[in-house]
Amino acid sequence: MRIITWNINSLRLRMPTLAKISEKLAPDLICLQEIKVEDSLFPEKDIKTLGYKHVLYRGMKSYNGVAIISKVPLTGEKKRLWCNKDDCRHIAASLPNGVEINNFYVPAGGDVPDPVENDKFAHKLTFLTEMAKWFSTQKPANRILVGDLNVAPLETDVWSHKQLLKIVSHTPIEVAGLKKAMRSHDWIDAVRKIIPPEEHLYSWWSYRNRTWPGTNRGRRLDHIWVTPGLIEKVYDAKVFIEARGWDKPSDHAPVLIDIKI
């Protein structure tokens, strides 16, 4: 099975790009974040035309939103409020073999890495803490977690560790929060199982960086984790950087794993 996670940054705007990615990469399942469309306007018919007959979504107007589109059946849909906000940042379902897939869009956190001065940053830290608490209560099972987690945890996940230590997405407090969430359910970074942690790897490049890809000032904000029982079944992983250079791109590139399930 090939699973993709992608912050599409407006589903309706980038339907042609989604179709192109689907054709080139032939995924079985795609988890989308930041779909930016309310449920009543979700382009379900167009999605199914691409071959994804099983579609789950949780959207809102202009902001956030997540979706799972799949060629295989999905059951047991889960929707949960996080931080007492109904801002459409998580959806989950089970695959036919019982593996549960969780799709997250963690808050970006604004520009100021101070939870006292910046409510958005406080929200992000609370969200990560709540993820850790929730997963620590879940019974052991085969699970996959994907999404735009908006944290680049490794020094090699950013173009300059030293220069980004005080920049939101790579601050020590965010990295600690993400690592706590990982430990809470024994999650393993599936992408870094294939692509060594010593290798620089990015999935996001700012729209403000007009020299992209020349300077390659990226960050790895998009992740795929698996529980221990699945890690040996992961046999390939990739960031599809090519899509970031297409016409009217998202600022995120799709991230994929191939897994024998």
Protein backbone atom coordinates (compact mmCIF):
# COMPACT_ATOMS: atom_id res chain seq x y z
CA MET A 1 0.00 0.00 0.00
CA ARG A 2 1.21 3.49 -0.84
CA ILE A 3 0.12 6.22 1.59
CA ILE A 4 0.62 9.93 0.96
CA THR A 5 0.27 12.86 3.31
CA TRP A 6 0.02 16.33 1.80
CA ASN A 7 -0.88 19.79 3.00
CA ILE A 8 -2.70 20.81 -0.16
CA ASN A 9 -3.34 24.42 0.91
CA SER A 10 -6.85 24.63 -0.66
CA LEU A 11 -8.33 21.50 -2.17
CA ARG A 12 -10.54 23.16 -4.78
CA LEU A 13 -7.73 25.40 -5.98
CA ARG A 14 -5.35 22.49 -6.39
CA MET A 15 -7.59 19.75 -7.76
CA PRO A 16 -5.52 19.65 -11.02
CA THR A 17 -2.36 19.18 -8.95
CA LEU A 18 -3.99 16.42 -6.92
CA ALA A 19 -4.95 14.66 -10.15
CA LYS A 20 -1.37 14.95 -11.41
CA ILE A 21 0.06 13.59 -8.16
CA SER A 22 -2.43 10.74 -8.25
CA GLU A 23 -1.38 9.85 -11.79
CA LYS A 24 2.37 10.06 -11.16
CA LEU A 25 2.55 8.37 -7.75
CA ALA A 26 -0.46 6.00 -7.88
CA PRO A 27 -1.21 6.08 -4.14
CA ASP A 28 -3.82 3.87 -2.53
CA LEU A 29 -4.66 6.48 0.08
CA ILE A 30 -4.03 10.19 0.48
CA CYS A 31 -4.40 12.21 3.67
CA LEU A 32 -4.90 15.90 3.00
CA GLN A 33 -4.54 18.85 5.34
CA GLU A 34 -5.60 22.48 5.05
CA ILE A 35 -8.32 21.63 2.54
CA LYS A 36 -10.00 25.00 3.25
CA VAL A 37 -13.49 23.97 2.19
CA GLU A 38 -16.66 23.46 4.20
CA ASP A 39 -18.32 20.06 3.98
CA SER A 40 -21.23 21.23 1.83
CA LEU A 41 -18.81 22.32 -0.92
CA PHE A 42 -16.36 19.43 -0.73
CA PRO A 43 -15.69 18.19 -4.30
CA GLU A 44 -16.51 14.57 -3.50
CA LYS A 45 -17.64 13.71 -7.04
CA ASP A 46 -14.37 14.98 -8.53
CA ILE A 47 -12.35 13.05 -5.95
CA LYS A 48 -14.19 9.84 -6.73
CA THR A 49 -13.60 10.39 -10.43
CA LEU A 50 -9.87 10.12 -9.66
CA GLY A 51 -10.47 6.62 -8.33
CA TYR A 52 -10.84 7.32 -4.62
CA LYS A 53 -14.24 5.79 -3.90
CA HIS A 54 -13.96 6.09 -0.16
CA VAL A 55 -13.85 9.67 1.09
CA LEU A 56 -13.93 11.15 4.58
CA TYR A 57 -13.61 14.84 5.31
CA ARG A 58 -13.98 17.41 8.00
CA GLY A 59 -13.82 20.94 6.71
CA MET A 60 -14.57 24.56 7.39
CA LYS A 61 -14.71 27.71 5.32
CA SER A 62 -11.34 29.25 4.33
CA TYR A 63 -9.22 27.59 7.03
CA ASN A 64 -7.85 24.24 8.19
CA GLY A 65 -9.73 21.06 7.34
CA VAL A 66 -8.59 17.46 6.82
CA ALA A 67 -9.61 14.63 4.51
CA ILE A 68 -8.81 10.99 3.82
CA ILE A 69 -9.37 9.77 0.28
CA SER A 70 -8.86 6.09 -0.38
CA LYS A 71 -9.14 3.33 -2.96
CA VAL A 72 -9.75 0.83 -0.16
CA PRO A 73 -12.70 0.89 2.25
CA LEU A 74 -12.58 3.03 5.38
CA THR A 75 -14.58 2.24 8.51
CA GLY A 76 -14.95 3.50 12.05
CA GLU A 77 -14.55 7.18 11.29
CA LYS A 78 -13.37 9.21 14.29
CA LYS A 79 -13.71 12.94 14.81
CA ARG A 80 -12.52 14.66 17.95
CA LEU A 81 -12.40 18.19 19.31
CA TRP A 82 -8.89 19.29 20.24
CA CYS A 83 -8.24 22.08 22.76
CA ASN A 84 -12.03 22.58 22.93
CA LYS A 85 -12.00 24.01 19.41
CA ASP A 86 -14.04 22.71 16.50
CA ASP A 87 -11.40 23.74 13.98
CA CYS A 88 -11.21 20.53 11.93
CA ARG A 89 -7.65 19.38 12.62
CA HIS A 90 -8.04 15.60 12.94
CA ILE A 91 -9.85 12.72 11.33
CA ALA A 92 -9.24 8.98 11.68
CA ALA A 93 -10.53 5.71 10.25
CA SER A 94 -9.65 2.03 9.99
CA LEU A 95 -8.42 0.16 6.94
CA PRO A 96 -9.84 -3.28 6.02
CA ASN A 97 -7.06 -5.07 7.97
CA GLY A 98 -7.83 -3.08 11.12
CA VAL A 99 -4.91 -0.66 10.92
CA GLU A 100 -6.09 2.75 12.10
CA ILE A 101 -4.90 5.84 10.25
CA ASN A 102 -4.91 9.24 11.94
CA ASN A 103 -4.63 12.43 9.90
CA PHE A 104 -3.55 15.57 11.80
CA TYR A 105 -3.08 19.23 11.06
CA VAL A 106 -1.27 20.69 14.07
CA PRO A 107 -1.58 24.48 14.53
CA ALA A 108 1.24 26.43 12.90
CA GLY A 109 1.76 28.62 15.97
CA GLY A 110 2.14 32.10 14.49
CA ASP A 111 5.43 33.97 14.37
CA VAL A 112 6.35 34.67 18.01
CA PRO A 113 7.60 31.60 19.96
CA ASP A 114 6.19 32.78 23.28
CA PRO A 115 2.95 31.28 24.66
CA VAL A 116 2.35 34.34 26.85
CA GLU A 117 2.68 36.88 24.05
CA ASN A 118 1.22 34.70 21.30
CA ASP A 119 -2.08 32.83 21.71
CA LYS A 120 -1.43 30.85 18.52
CA PHE A 121 1.81 29.48 19.90
CA ALA A 122 0.10 28.63 23.19
CA HIS A 123 -2.58 26.77 21.21
CA LYS A 124 0.08 24.77 19.38
CA LEU A 125 1.83 23.70 22.58
CA THR A 126 -1.49 22.75 24.19
CA PHE A 127 -2.42 20.74 21.10
CA LEU A 128 0.82 18.74 21.24
CA THR A 129 0.32 18.11 24.95
CA GLU A 130 -3.22 16.93 24.35
CA MET A 131 -2.05 14.58 21.58
CA ALA A 132 0.37 13.00 24.03
CA LYS A 133 -2.29 12.60 26.71
CA TRP A 134 -4.86 11.14 24.32
CA PHE A 135 -2.55 8.60 22.70
CA SER A 136 -1.25 7.50 26.09
CA THR A 137 -4.82 6.32 26.87
CA GLN A 138 -5.27 4.35 23.63
CA LYS A 139 -5.01 0.57 23.74
CA PRO A 140 -2.05 -0.94 21.86
CA ALA A 141 -2.93 -1.45 18.20
CA ASN A 142 -1.47 -1.10 14.74
CA ARG A 143 -1.77 2.58 13.90
CA ILE A 144 -0.41 5.06 11.40
CA LEU A 145 -0.25 8.78 12.11
CA VAL A 146 0.30 11.26 9.30
CA GLY A 147 -0.01 14.94 8.72
CA ASP A 148 1.34 18.43 8.79
CA LEU A 149 2.61 18.44 12.36
CA ASN A 150 4.25 21.84 11.90
CA VAL A 151 7.37 20.86 13.81
CA ALA A 152 10.79 20.03 12.32
CA PRO A 153 12.33 17.98 15.14
CA LEU A 154 15.81 17.07 13.88
CA GLU A 155 18.71 19.38 13.13
CA THR A 156 18.69 17.91 9.63
CA ASP A 157 14.99 18.72 9.26
CA VAL A 158 15.81 22.41 8.76
CA TRP A 159 18.17 24.26 6.47
CA SER A 160 19.99 25.84 9.43
CA HIS A 161 19.61 24.46 12.93
CA LYS A 162 21.47 27.39 14.48
CA GLN A 163 19.49 30.09 12.70
CA LEU A 164 16.09 28.47 13.29
CA LEU A 165 16.37 27.63 16.99
CA LYS A 166 14.27 30.69 17.82
CA ILE A 167 11.95 30.34 14.83
CA VAL A 168 8.52 28.74 15.26
CA SER A 169 8.55 25.09 14.11
CA HIS A 170 12.07 24.31 15.35
CA THR A 171 12.20 25.78 18.86
CA PRO A 172 13.27 23.42 21.66
CA ILE A 173 9.88 23.62 23.39
CA GLU A 174 8.04 22.54 20.24
CA VAL A 175 10.49 19.74 19.56
CA ALA A 176 10.07 18.54 23.16
CA GLY A 177 6.28 18.61 22.75
CA LEU A 178 6.42 16.58 19.56
CA LYS A 179 8.81 14.04 21.07
CA LYS A 180 6.50 13.64 24.06
CA ALA A 181 3.62 12.92 21.67
CA MET A 182 5.78 10.31 19.92
CA ARG A 183 6.72 8.59 23.17
CA SER A 184 3.11 8.53 24.34
CA HIS A 185 2.23 5.73 21.94
CA ASP A 186 5.67 4.41 20.96
CA TRP A 187 5.39 6.04 17.55
CA ILE A 188 8.28 5.53 15.13
CA ASP A 189 9.23 7.97 12.37
CA ALA A 190 8.64 5.82 9.29
CA VAL A 191 10.24 8.25 6.84
CA ARG A 192 13.47 8.42 8.81
CA LYS A 193 13.55 4.63 8.97
CA ILE A 194 14.19 4.73 5.21
CA ILE A 195 15.93 8.09 4.82
CA PRO A 196 18.71 8.30 7.45
CA PRO A 197 18.42 11.01 10.13
CA GLU A 198 21.86 12.29 9.11
CA GLU A 199 20.49 13.29 5.70
CA HIS A 200 18.92 16.73 5.26
CA LEU A 201 15.26 16.35 4.31
CA TYR A 202 12.55 18.97 3.84
CA SER A 203 8.86 18.97 2.89
CA TRP A 204 8.01 22.69 3.12
CA TRP A 205 9.48 25.78 1.48
CA SER A 206 8.05 29.22 2.21
CA TYR A 207 6.26 31.12 -0.53
CA ARG A 208 8.38 34.08 0.62
CA ASN A 209 11.50 32.32 -0.62
CA ARG A 210 11.45 33.48 -4.21
CA THR A 211 14.78 31.82 -4.98
CA TRP A 212 13.39 28.34 -4.35
CA PRO A 213 14.71 25.80 -5.06
CA GLY A 214 18.13 27.43 -5.46
CA THR A 215 18.80 28.13 -1.78
CA ASN A 216 16.76 25.11 -0.60
CA ARG A 217 15.79 26.77 2.67
CA GLY A 218 13.26 24.16 3.70
CA ARG A 219 11.88 22.42 6.76
CA ARG A 220 10.43 18.93 7.30
CA LEU A 221 7.03 19.68 8.77
CA ASP A 222 5.10 16.74 7.30
CA HIS A 223 5.44 13.36 8.94
CA ILE A 224 4.39 9.73 8.83
CA TRP A 225 4.64 7.69 12.02
CA VAL A 226 3.78 4.04 12.66
CA THR A 227 3.45 1.92 15.77
CA PRO A 228 6.16 -0.70 16.44
CA GLY A 229 4.26 -3.61 14.90
CA LEU A 230 4.27 -1.89 11.52
CA ILE A 231 7.75 -0.44 11.23
CA GLU A 232 9.35 -3.50 9.62
CA LYS A 233 6.60 -3.45 7.00
CA VAL A 234 7.68 -0.01 5.73
CA TYR A 235 9.95 -0.55 2.73
CA ASP A 236 10.16 2.85 1.03
CA ALA A 237 9.64 6.54 1.75
CA LYS A 238 10.00 9.72 -0.22
CA VAL A 239 9.33 13.45 -0.30
CA PHE A 240 7.97 14.20 -3.76
CA ILE A 241 9.83 17.50 -4.12
CA GLU A 242 8.97 17.81 -7.81
CA ALA A 243 5.41 18.91 -7.00
CA ARG A 244 6.68 22.00 -5.13
CA GLY A 245 7.97 23.34 -8.46
CA TRP A 246 4.77 22.87 -10.44
CA ASP A 247 2.42 25.67 -11.47
CA LYS A 248 0.49 27.18 -8.55
CA PRO A 249 2.03 24.80 -6.00
CA SER A 250 1.26 24.23 -2.37
CA ASP A 251 4.13 25.32 -0.15
CA HIS A 252 4.28 21.68 1.03
CA ALA A 253 5.42 18.69 -0.99
CA PRO A 254 3.67 15.32 -0.67
CA VAL A 255 5.35 12.77 1.60
CA LEU A 256 4.81 9.05 1.04
CA ILE A 257 5.56 5.63 2.41
CA ASP A 258 5.18 2.19 0.88
CA ILE A 259 4.09 -0.37 3.46
CA LYS A 260 3.19 -4.06 3.27
CA ILE A 261 -0.21 -4.16 4.91
